[in-house]
PDB file of N, CA and C in Angstrom:
ATOM      1  N   UNK A   1      13.184   5.042  59.461  1.00  0.00           N
ATOM      2  CA  UNK A   1      13.535   5.019  61.305  1.00  0.00           C
ATOM      3  C   UNK A   1      14.081   4.199  61.735  1.00  0.00           C
ATOM      4  N   UNK A   2      15.107   4.930  63.108  1.00  0.00           N
ATOM      5  CA  UNK A   2      16.191   3.695  63.446  1.00  0.00           C
ATOM      6  C   UNK A   2      15.655   3.115  65.106  1.00  0.00           C
ATOM      7  N   UNK A   3      16.508   1.932  65.298  1.00  0.00           N
ATOM      8  CA  UNK A   3      16.088   1.624  66.531  1.00  0.00           C
ATOM      9  C   UNK A   3      17.593   1.538  67.174  1.00  0.00           C
ATOM     10  N   UNK A   4      17.609   2.078  67.978  1.00  0.00           N
ATOM     11  CA  UNK A   4      18.723   2.275  69.111  1.00  0.00           C
ATOM     12  C   UNK A   4      18.695   1.074  70.312  1.00  0.00           C
ATOM     13  N   UNK A   5      19.872   0.210  70.021  1.00  0.00           N
ATOM     14  CA  UNK A   5      19.796  -0.949  71.107  1.00  0.00           C
ATOM     15  C   UNK A   5      20.801  -1.025  71.646  1.00  0.00           C
ATOM     16  N   UNK A   6      21.371   0.076  72.166  1.00  0.00           N
ATOM     17  CA  UNK A   6      22.602   0.257  73.310  1.00  0.00           C
ATOM     18  C   UNK A   6      23.905   0.161  72.607  1.00  0.00           C
ATOM     19  N   UNK A   7      24.588   1.052  73.739  1.00  0.00           N
ATOM     20  CA  UNK A   7      26.295   1.682  73.566  1.00  0.00           C
ATOM     21  C   UNK A   7      25.754   2.324  72.238  1.00  0.00           C
ATOM     22  N   UNK A   8      26.653   2.161  71.297  1.00  0.00           N
ATOM     23  CA  UNK A   8      26.356   3.161  70.031  1.00  0.00           C
ATOM     24  C   UNK A   8      26.256   2.223  68.523  1.00  0.00           C
ATOM     25  N   UNK A   9      25.193   1.212  69.207  1.00  0.00           N
ATOM     26  CA  UNK A   9      24.321  -0.165  67.925  1.00  0.00           C
ATOM     27  C   UNK A   9      23.247   0.631  67.621  1.00  0.00           C
ATOM     28  N   UNK A  10      22.528   1.089  66.549  1.00  0.00           N
ATOM     29  CA  UNK A  10      21.940   1.093  65.840  1.00  0.00           C
ATOM     30  C   UNK A  10      21.341   0.815  64.692  1.00  0.00           C
ATOM     31  N   UNK A  11      20.407   0.343  64.471  1.00  0.00           N
ATOM     32  CA  UNK A  11      19.721   0.210  63.313  1.00  0.00           C
ATOM     33  C   UNK A  11      18.892   0.596  62.701  1.00  0.00           C
ATOM     34  N   UNK A  12      18.592   0.389  61.176  1.00  0.00           N
ATOM     35  CA  UNK A  12      17.295   0.360  60.726  1.00  0.00           C
ATOM     36  C   UNK A  12      16.039  -0.578  60.965  1.00  0.00           C
ATOM     37  N   UNK A  13      15.068   0.103  61.086  1.00  0.00           N
ATOM     38  CA  UNK A  13      13.906  -0.528  61.569  1.00  0.00           C
ATOM     39  C   UNK A  13      13.099  -1.675  60.070  1.00  0.00           C
ATOM     40  N   UNK A  14      13.716  -1.070  58.968  1.00  0.00           N
ATOM     41  CA  UNK A  14      13.427  -1.842  58.003  1.00  0.00           C
ATOM     42  C   UNK A  14      14.121  -2.963  57.507  1.00  0.00           C
ATOM     43  N   UNK A  15      15.154  -3.279  58.064  1.00  0.00           N
ATOM     44  CA  UNK A  15      16.049  -3.869  58.129  1.00  0.00           C
ATOM     45  C   UNK A  15      15.843  -5.550  59.461  1.00  0.00           C
ATOM     46  N   UNK A  16      15.175  -5.272  60.075  1.00  0.00           N
ATOM     47  CA  UNK A  16      14.624  -5.953  61.279  1.00  0.00           C
ATOM     48  C   UNK A  16      13.378  -6.703  60.835  1.00  0.00           C
ATOM     49  N   UNK A  17      14.199  -8.240  61.158  1.00  0.00           N
ATOM     50  CA  UNK A  17      13.172 -10.015  60.672  1.00  0.00           C
ATOM     51  C   UNK A  17      12.443  -9.846  62.050  1.00  0.00           C
ATOM     52  N   UNK A  18      13.306  -9.543  63.200  1.00  0.00           N
ATOM     53  CA  UNK A  18      12.350 -10.192  64.667  1.00  0.00           C
ATOM     54  C   UNK A  18      13.473  -9.920  65.515  1.00  0.00           C
ATOM     55  N   UNK A  19      12.807  -9.411  66.758  1.00  0.00           N
ATOM     56  CA  UNK A  19      12.774  -9.493  68.424  1.00  0.00           C
ATOM     57  C   UNK A  19      12.704 -10.132  69.198  1.00  0.00           C
ATOM     58  N   UNK A  20      13.254 -10.729  69.371  1.00  0.00           N
ATOM     59  CA  UNK A  20      13.339 -12.060  70.791  1.00  0.00           C
ATOM     60  C   UNK A  20      13.785 -11.813  72.064  1.00  0.00           C
ATOM     61  N   UNK A  21      12.869 -12.499  73.214  1.00  0.00           N
ATOM     62  CA  UNK A  21      13.333 -12.591  73.788  1.00  0.00           C
ATOM     63  C   UNK A  21      14.273 -13.614  74.527  1.00  0.00           C
ATOM     64  N   UNK A  22      15.336 -13.693  75.261  1.00  0.00           N
ATOM     65  CA  UNK A  22      16.831 -14.396  75.111  1.00  0.00           C
ATOM     66  C   UNK A  22      16.216 -15.635  76.148  1.00  0.00           C
ATOM     67  N   UNK A  23      15.798 -15.238  77.231  1.00  0.00           N
ATOM     68  CA  UNK A  23      15.686 -16.310  78.442  1.00  0.00           C
ATOM     69  C   UNK A  23      14.490 -17.496  77.667  1.00  0.00           C
ATOM     70  N   UNK A  24      13.385 -16.496  77.016  1.00  0.00           N
ATOM     71  CA  UNK A  24      12.271 -17.589  76.676  1.00  0.00           C
ATOM     72  C   UNK A  24      12.649 -18.543  75.616  1.00  0.00           C
ATOM     73  N   UNK A  25      13.427 -17.300  74.372  1.00  0.00           N
ATOM     74  CA  UNK A  25      13.719 -18.363  73.357  1.00  0.00           C
ATOM     75  C   UNK A  25      14.817 -19.317  73.275  1.00  0.00           C
ATOM     76  N   UNK A  26      15.739 -19.212  74.202  1.00  0.00           N
ATOM     77  CA  UNK A  26      16.817 -19.799  74.620  1.00  0.00           C
ATOM     78  C   UNK A  26      16.139 -21.390  74.850  1.00  0.00           C
ATOM     79  N   UNK A  27      15.632 -21.470  75.474  1.00  0.00           N
ATOM     80  CA  UNK A  27      14.922 -22.666  75.813  1.00  0.00           C
ATOM     81  C   UNK A  27      14.494 -23.633  74.847  1.00  0.00           C
ATOM     82  N   UNK A  28      14.632 -23.261  73.379  1.00  0.00           N
ATOM     83  CA  UNK A  28      14.892 -24.220  72.266  1.00  0.00           C
ATOM     84  C   UNK A  28      15.598 -24.270  71.683  1.00  0.00           C
ATOM     85  N   UNK A  29      15.509 -25.556  71.160  1.00  0.00           N
ATOM     86  CA  UNK A  29      17.091 -26.639  71.247  1.00  0.00           C
ATOM     87  C   UNK A  29      17.464 -25.616  69.423  1.00  0.00           C
ATOM     88  N   UNK A  30      16.528 -25.564  68.725  1.00  0.00           N
ATOM     89  CA  UNK A  30      16.249 -24.437  67.354  1.00  0.00           C
ATOM     90  C   UNK A  30      16.925 -23.463  67.738  1.00  0.00           C
ATOM     91  N   UNK A  31      16.410 -22.513  68.547  1.00  0.00           N
ATOM     92  CA  UNK A  31      17.074 -21.195  68.661  1.00  0.00           C
ATOM     93  C   UNK A  31      18.621 -21.293  69.401  1.00  0.00           C
ATOM     94  N   UNK A  32      18.942 -22.299  70.069  1.00  0.00           N
ATOM     95  CA  UNK A  32      20.257 -22.404  70.352  1.00  0.00           C
ATOM     96  C   UNK A  32      21.005 -22.799  69.439  1.00  0.00           C
ATOM     97  N   UNK A  33      20.836 -23.701  68.679  1.00  0.00           N
ATOM     98  CA  UNK A  33      21.809 -23.994  67.615  1.00  0.00           C
ATOM     99  C   UNK A  33      21.579 -23.023  66.487  1.00  0.00           C
ATOM    100  N   UNK A  34      20.332 -22.153  66.143  1.00  0.00           N
ATOM    101  CA  UNK A  34      20.748 -20.801  65.183  1.00  0.00           C
ATOM    102  C   UNK A  34      21.335 -20.101  65.826  1.00  0.00           C
ATOM    103  N   UNK A  35      21.682 -19.644  67.401  1.00  0.00           N
ATOM    104  CA  UNK A  35      22.346 -18.247  67.692  1.00  0.00           C
ATOM    105  C   UNK A  35      23.763 -19.061  67.529  1.00  0.00           C
ATOM    106  N   UNK A  36      23.912 -20.419  67.724  1.00  0.00           N
ATOM    107  CA  UNK A  36      25.299 -20.693  67.713  1.00  0.00           C
ATOM    108  C   UNK A  36      25.977 -20.906  66.460  1.00  0.00           C
ATOM    109  N   UNK A  37      25.288 -21.516  65.641  1.00  0.00           N
ATOM    110  CA  UNK A  37      25.411 -21.099  64.187  1.00  0.00           C
ATOM    111  C   UNK A  37      25.649 -19.841  63.782  1.00  0.00           C
ATOM    112  N   UNK A  38      25.016 -18.820  64.168  1.00  0.00           N
ATOM    113  CA  UNK A  38      25.098 -17.514  63.749  1.00  0.00           C
ATOM    114  C   UNK A  38      26.786 -17.109  64.449  1.00  0.00           C
ATOM    115  N   UNK A  39      26.601 -17.126  65.840  1.00  0.00           N
ATOM    116  CA  UNK A  39      27.867 -16.987  66.257  1.00  0.00           C
ATOM    117  C   UNK A  39      29.367 -17.585  65.429  1.00  0.00           C
ATOM    118  N   UNK A  40      29.541 -19.043  65.081  1.00  0.00           N
ATOM    119  CA  UNK A  40      30.398 -19.588  64.312  1.00  0.00           C
ATOM    120  C   UNK A  40      30.935 -18.912  62.871  1.00  0.00           C
ATOM    121  N   UNK A  41      29.462 -18.291  62.335  1.00  0.00           N
ATOM    122  CA  UNK A  41      29.764 -17.523  61.135  1.00  0.00           C
ATOM    123  C   UNK A  41      29.622 -15.752  61.105  1.00  0.00           C
ATOM    124  N   UNK A  42      29.856 -15.318  62.251  1.00  0.00           N
ATOM    125  CA  UNK A  42      30.747 -14.156  63.034  1.00  0.00           C
ATOM    126  C   UNK A  42      29.573 -13.117  62.410  1.00  0.00           C
ATOM    127  N   UNK A  43      28.152 -13.594  62.648  1.00  0.00           N
ATOM    128  CA  UNK A  43      26.696 -12.809  62.318  1.00  0.00           C
ATOM    129  C   UNK A  43      26.659 -12.009  63.408  1.00  0.00           C
ATOM    130  N   UNK A  44      27.059 -12.299  65.137  1.00  0.00           N
ATOM    131  CA  UNK A  44      26.425 -12.080  66.053  1.00  0.00           C
ATOM    132  C   UNK A  44      27.282 -10.784  66.665  1.00  0.00           C
ATOM    133  N   UNK A  45      27.088  -9.656  66.915  1.00  0.00           N
ATOM    134  CA  UNK A  45      27.503  -8.686  67.302  1.00  0.00           C
ATOM    135  C   UNK A  45      26.698  -8.221  68.941  1.00  0.00           C
ATOM    136  N   UNK A  46      27.874  -7.573  69.565  1.00  0.00           N
ATOM    137  CA  UNK A  46      26.850  -7.507  71.200  1.00  0.00           C
ATOM    138  C   UNK A  46      26.861  -5.972  71.118  1.00  0.00           C
ATOM    139  N   UNK A  47      25.432  -5.709  71.564  1.00  0.00           N
ATOM    140  CA  UNK A  47      25.262  -4.253  71.950  1.00  0.00           C
ATOM    141  C   UNK A  47      25.475  -3.957  73.165  1.00  0.00           C
ATOM    142  N   UNK A  48      26.141  -4.431  74.172  1.00  0.00           N
ATOM    143  CA  UNK A  48      25.708  -4.437  75.520  1.00  0.00           C
ATOM    144  C   UNK A  48      27.035  -5.578  76.227  1.00  0.00           C
ATOM    145  N   UNK A  49      27.535  -4.853  76.952  1.00  0.00           N
ATOM    146  CA  UNK A  49      28.336  -4.957  78.144  1.00  0.00           C
ATOM    147  C   UNK A  49      28.126  -6.032  79.153  1.00  0.00           C
ATOM    148  N   UNK A  50      26.899  -6.076  79.908  1.00  0.00           N
ATOM    149  CA  UNK A  50      26.197  -6.140  80.317  1.00  0.00           C
ATOM    150  C   UNK A  50      25.497  -7.739  80.134  1.00  0.00           C
ATOM    151  N   UNK A  51      24.680  -8.312  80.941  1.00  0.00           N
ATOM    152  CA  UNK A  51      24.111  -9.559  80.512  1.00  0.00           C
ATOM    153  C   UNK A  51      22.681  -9.309  79.279  1.00  0.00           C
ATOM    154  N   UNK A  52      22.797  -9.795  78.028  1.00  0.00           N
ATOM    155  CA  UNK A  52      21.644  -9.670  77.277  1.00  0.00           C
ATOM    156  C   UNK A  52      20.475 -10.015  77.876  1.00  0.00           C
ATOM    157  N   UNK A  53      19.221  -8.895  77.310  1.00  0.00           N
ATOM    158  CA  UNK A  53      18.304 -10.100  77.498  1.00  0.00           C
ATOM    159  C   UNK A  53      17.482 -10.348  76.115  1.00  0.00           C
ATOM    160  N   UNK A  54      17.955 -10.025  75.295  1.00  0.00           N
ATOM    161  CA  UNK A  54      16.917 -10.158  74.011  1.00  0.00           C
ATOM    162  C   UNK A  54      17.921 -10.329  72.532  1.00  0.00           C
ATOM    163  N   UNK A  55      17.199 -10.211  71.545  1.00  0.00           N
ATOM    164  CA  UNK A  55      18.089 -10.392  70.283  1.00  0.00           C
ATOM    165  C   UNK A  55      17.330  -9.946  69.310  1.00  0.00           C
ATOM    166  N   UNK A  56      18.277  -9.298  68.431  1.00  0.00           N
ATOM    167  CA  UNK A  56      17.490  -8.682  66.886  1.00  0.00           C
ATOM    168  C   UNK A  56      18.026  -8.936  65.602  1.00  0.00           C
ATOM    169  N   UNK A  57      17.247  -9.840  65.302  1.00  0.00           N
ATOM    170  CA  UNK A  57      17.647 -10.532  63.860  1.00  0.00           C
ATOM    171  C   UNK A  57      17.312  -9.536  62.677  1.00  0.00           C
ATOM    172  N   UNK A  58      18.556  -9.210  61.926  1.00  0.00           N
ATOM    173  CA  UNK A  58      18.265  -8.280  60.984  1.00  0.00           C
ATOM    174  C   UNK A  58      18.906  -8.762  59.418  1.00  0.00           C
ATOM    175  N   UNK A  59      17.963  -8.368  58.432  1.00  0.00           N
ATOM    176  CA  UNK A  59      18.997  -8.708  57.120  1.00  0.00           C
ATOM    177  C   UNK A  59      18.778  -7.442  56.109  1.00  0.00           C
ATOM    178  N   UNK A  60      19.928  -7.010  55.351  1.00  0.00           N
ATOM    179  CA  UNK A  60      20.070  -5.844  55.014  1.00  0.00           C
ATOM    180  C   UNK A  60      19.578  -6.253  53.974  1.00  0.00           C
ATOM    181  N   UNK A  61      18.761  -5.159  53.489  1.00  0.00           N
ATOM    182  CA  UNK A  61      17.664  -4.965  52.203  1.00  0.00           C
ATOM    183  C   UNK A  61      18.547  -4.476  51.073  1.00  0.00           C
ATOM    184  N   UNK A  62      18.979  -5.296  49.838  1.00  0.00           N
ATOM    185  CA  UNK A  62      19.934  -5.273  48.993  1.00  0.00           C
ATOM    186  C   UNK A  62      20.799  -6.847  48.925  1.00  0.00           C
ATOM    187  N   UNK A  63      21.441  -6.285  50.046  1.00  0.00           N
ATOM    188  CA  UNK A  63      22.533  -7.440  49.870  1.00  0.00           C
ATOM    189  C   UNK A  63      22.318  -8.970  50.548  1.00  0.00           C
ATOM    190  N   UNK A  64      21.625  -8.972  51.391  1.00  0.00           N
ATOM    191  CA  UNK A  64      20.713  -9.892  51.995  1.00  0.00           C
ATOM    192  C   UNK A  64      21.825 -10.593  53.141  1.00  0.00           C
ATOM    193  N   UNK A  65      22.756  -9.557  53.445  1.00  0.00           N
ATOM    194  CA  UNK A  65      23.859 -10.129  54.441  1.00  0.00           C
ATOM    195  C   UNK A  65      22.856 -10.435  56.049  1.00  0.00           C
ATOM    196  N   UNK A  66      23.101 -10.697  57.002  1.00  0.00           N
ATOM    197  CA  UNK A  66      22.024 -11.367  57.883  1.00  0.00           C
ATOM    198  C   UNK A  66      22.834 -10.982  58.964  1.00  0.00           C
ATOM    199  N   UNK A  67      22.378 -10.525  60.587  1.00  0.00           N
ATOM    200  CA  UNK A  67      23.513 -10.064  61.405  1.00  0.00           C
ATOM    201  C   UNK A  67      22.023 -10.226  62.535  1.00  0.00           C
ATOM    202  N   UNK A  68      22.938 -10.842  63.867  1.00  0.00           N
ATOM    203  CA  UNK A  68      21.955 -10.873  65.206  1.00  0.00           C
ATOM    204  C   UNK A  68      23.166 -10.188  66.639  1.00  0.00           C
ATOM    205  N   UNK A  69      22.221  -9.209  66.725  1.00  0.00           N
ATOM    206  CA  UNK A  69      22.662  -8.643  67.767  1.00  0.00           C
ATOM    207  C   UNK A  69      21.894  -8.659  68.731  1.00  0.00           C
ATOM    208  N   UNK A  70      22.962  -8.887  69.846  1.00  0.00           N
ATOM    209  CA  UNK A  70      22.248  -8.850  71.558  1.00  0.00           C
ATOM    210  C   UNK A  70      22.420  -7.960  71.771  1.00  0.00           C
ATOM    211  N   UNK A  71      21.040  -7.580  72.888  1.00  0.00           N
ATOM    212  CA  UNK A  71      20.848  -6.430  73.430  1.00  0.00           C
ATOM    213  C   UNK A  71      20.741  -6.085  74.456  1.00  0.00           C
ATOM    214  N   UNK A  72      20.976  -5.652  75.420  1.00  0.00           N
ATOM    215  CA  UNK A  72      20.284  -5.488  77.309  1.00  0.00           C
ATOM    216  C   UNK A  72      18.986  -5.178  77.209  1.00  0.00           C
ATOM    217  N   UNK A  73      18.027  -4.109  76.512  1.00  0.00           N
ATOM    218  CA  UNK A  73      17.006  -4.115  76.651  1.00  0.00           C
ATOM    219  C   UNK A  73      16.166  -4.998  76.589  1.00  0.00           C
ATOM    220  N   UNK A  74      14.888  -5.078  76.913  1.00  0.00           N
ATOM    221  CA  UNK A  74      13.964  -6.606  76.923  1.00  0.00           C
ATOM    222  C   UNK A  74      13.300  -6.130  75.418  1.00  0.00           C
ATOM    223  N   UNK A  75      13.187  -7.416  75.094  1.00  0.00           N
ATOM    224  CA  UNK A  75      12.329  -7.560  73.786  1.00  0.00           C
ATOM    225  C   UNK A  75      11.104  -6.803  73.867  1.00  0.00           C
ATOM    226  N   UNK A  76      10.339  -6.403  74.898  1.00  0.00           N
ATOM    227  CA  UNK A  76       8.950  -5.315  74.963  1.00  0.00           C
ATOM    228  C   UNK A  76       9.582  -3.984  75.208  1.00  0.00           C
ATOM    229  N   UNK A  77      11.043  -3.790  75.262  1.00  0.00           N
ATOM    230  CA  UNK A  77      11.631  -2.166  75.355  1.00  0.00           C
ATOM    231  C   UNK A  77      11.482  -1.915  74.279  1.00  0.00           C
ATOM    232  N   UNK A  78      12.144  -2.703  73.325  1.00  0.00           N
ATOM    233  CA  UNK A  78      13.105  -2.505  71.727  1.00  0.00           C
ATOM    234  C   UNK A  78      11.202  -2.258  71.039  1.00  0.00           C
ATOM    235  N   UNK A  79      10.142  -3.385  71.229  1.00  0.00           N
ATOM    236  CA  UNK A  79       9.554  -3.239  70.668  1.00  0.00           C
ATOM    237  C   UNK A  79       8.668  -1.845  70.665  1.00  0.00           C
ATOM    238  N   UNK A  80       8.337  -1.548  72.120  1.00  0.00           N
ATOM    239  CA  UNK A  80       7.663  -0.198  72.514  1.00  0.00           C
ATOM    240  C   UNK A  80       8.878   1.326  71.866  1.00  0.00           C
ATOM    241  N   UNK A  81       9.757   0.896  71.619  1.00  0.00           N
ATOM    242  CA  UNK A  81      10.499   1.821  70.831  1.00  0.00           C
ATOM    243  C   UNK A  81      10.460   2.112  69.656  1.00  0.00           C
ATOM    244  N   UNK A  82      10.274   0.964  68.760  1.00  0.00           N
ATOM    245  CA  UNK A  82       9.796   0.978  67.299  1.00  0.00           C
ATOM    246  C   UNK A  82       8.458   1.227  67.553  1.00  0.00           C
ATOM    247  N   UNK A  83       7.515   1.599  67.797  1.00  0.00           N
ATOM    248  CA  UNK A  83       5.980   1.859  67.918  1.00  0.00           C
ATOM    249  C   UNK A  83       6.410   3.160  68.407  1.00  0.00           C
ATOM    250  N   UNK A  84       7.115   3.797  68.657  1.00  0.00           N
ATOM    251  CA  UNK A  84       6.895   5.163  68.697  1.00  0.00           C
ATOM    252  C   UNK A  84       7.707   6.568  67.613  1.00  0.00           C
TER     253      UNK A  84
END
Protein backbone atom coordinates (compact mmCIF):
# COMPACT_ATOMS: atom_id res chain seq x y z
CA UNK A 1 0.00 0.00 0.00
CA UNK A 2 1.06 3.58 -0.58
CA UNK A 3 0.47 6.82 1.31
CA UNK A 4 -0.02 10.13 -0.52
CA UNK A 5 1.65 12.96 1.42
CA UNK A 6 0.85 15.83 -0.91
CA UNK A 7 1.82 17.24 -4.28
CA UNK A 8 3.40 14.32 -6.13
CA UNK A 9 4.92 12.60 -3.09
CA UNK A 10 3.83 9.02 -2.47
CA UNK A 11 5.61 6.62 -0.10
CA UNK A 12 5.25 2.93 0.68
CA UNK A 13 3.58 2.14 3.97
CA UNK A 14 6.15 -0.56 4.79
CA UNK A 15 8.93 2.06 4.72
CA UNK A 16 7.25 4.26 7.36
CA UNK A 17 8.92 4.33 10.77
CA UNK A 18 6.68 7.03 12.25
CA UNK A 19 4.23 9.85 11.58
CA UNK A 20 4.58 12.86 13.86
CA UNK A 21 2.73 16.10 14.56
CA UNK A 22 5.20 18.88 13.83
CA UNK A 23 3.71 21.41 16.29
CA UNK A 24 3.78 19.06 19.27
CA UNK A 25 7.06 17.25 18.65
CA UNK A 26 9.05 20.33 17.64
CA UNK A 27 8.75 21.56 21.23
CA UNK A 28 11.27 18.88 22.18
CA UNK A 29 14.95 19.77 21.92
CA UNK A 30 15.79 16.24 20.72
CA UNK A 31 13.27 16.40 17.89
CA UNK A 32 14.52 19.80 16.74
CA UNK A 33 18.08 18.45 16.88
CA UNK A 34 17.08 15.32 14.89
CA UNK A 35 15.32 17.36 12.19
CA UNK A 36 18.25 19.77 11.97
CA UNK A 37 20.74 16.91 11.50
CA UNK A 38 18.50 15.24 8.93
CA UNK A 39 18.27 18.50 7.00
CA UNK A 40 22.05 18.98 7.08
CA UNK A 41 22.47 15.42 5.78
CA UNK A 42 20.09 16.14 2.89
CA UNK A 43 17.49 13.65 4.15
CA UNK A 44 14.57 16.09 4.38
CA UNK A 45 12.11 16.44 1.52
CA UNK A 46 9.13 18.76 1.51
CA UNK A 47 5.83 17.45 0.15
CA UNK A 48 4.13 20.84 0.46
CA UNK A 49 4.56 24.47 -0.52
CA UNK A 50 2.55 25.51 2.55
CA UNK A 51 3.46 25.38 6.22
CA UNK A 52 3.90 21.68 7.13
CA UNK A 53 1.79 20.20 9.93
CA UNK A 54 3.48 16.82 10.16
CA UNK A 55 6.56 14.87 9.28
CA UNK A 56 7.01 11.26 8.29
CA UNK A 57 10.20 9.32 8.95
CA UNK A 58 10.89 6.53 6.45
CA UNK A 59 13.60 3.97 5.95
CA UNK A 60 13.80 1.98 2.73
CA UNK A 61 13.90 -1.75 3.29
CA UNK A 62 17.09 -3.28 2.01
CA UNK A 63 19.11 -0.10 1.52
CA UNK A 64 18.55 1.41 4.97
CA UNK A 65 18.32 4.88 3.40
CA UNK A 66 16.46 7.19 5.75
CA UNK A 67 14.28 10.10 4.62
CA UNK A 68 12.12 12.67 6.43
CA UNK A 69 9.10 14.06 4.58
CA UNK A 70 7.43 17.31 5.63
CA UNK A 71 3.72 17.16 4.85
CA UNK A 72 0.73 19.50 4.88
CA UNK A 73 -1.91 17.05 6.20
CA UNK A 74 -2.10 16.61 9.97
CA UNK A 75 -0.62 13.45 11.42
CA UNK A 76 -4.09 12.13 12.29
CA UNK A 77 -5.20 12.54 8.68
CA UNK A 78 -2.18 10.59 7.43
CA UNK A 79 -2.82 7.79 9.93
CA UNK A 80 -6.47 7.56 8.82
CA UNK A 81 -5.34 7.32 5.20
CA UNK A 82 -3.15 4.38 6.14
CA UNK A 83 -5.98 2.63 7.95
CA UNK A 84 -8.24 2.64 4.89
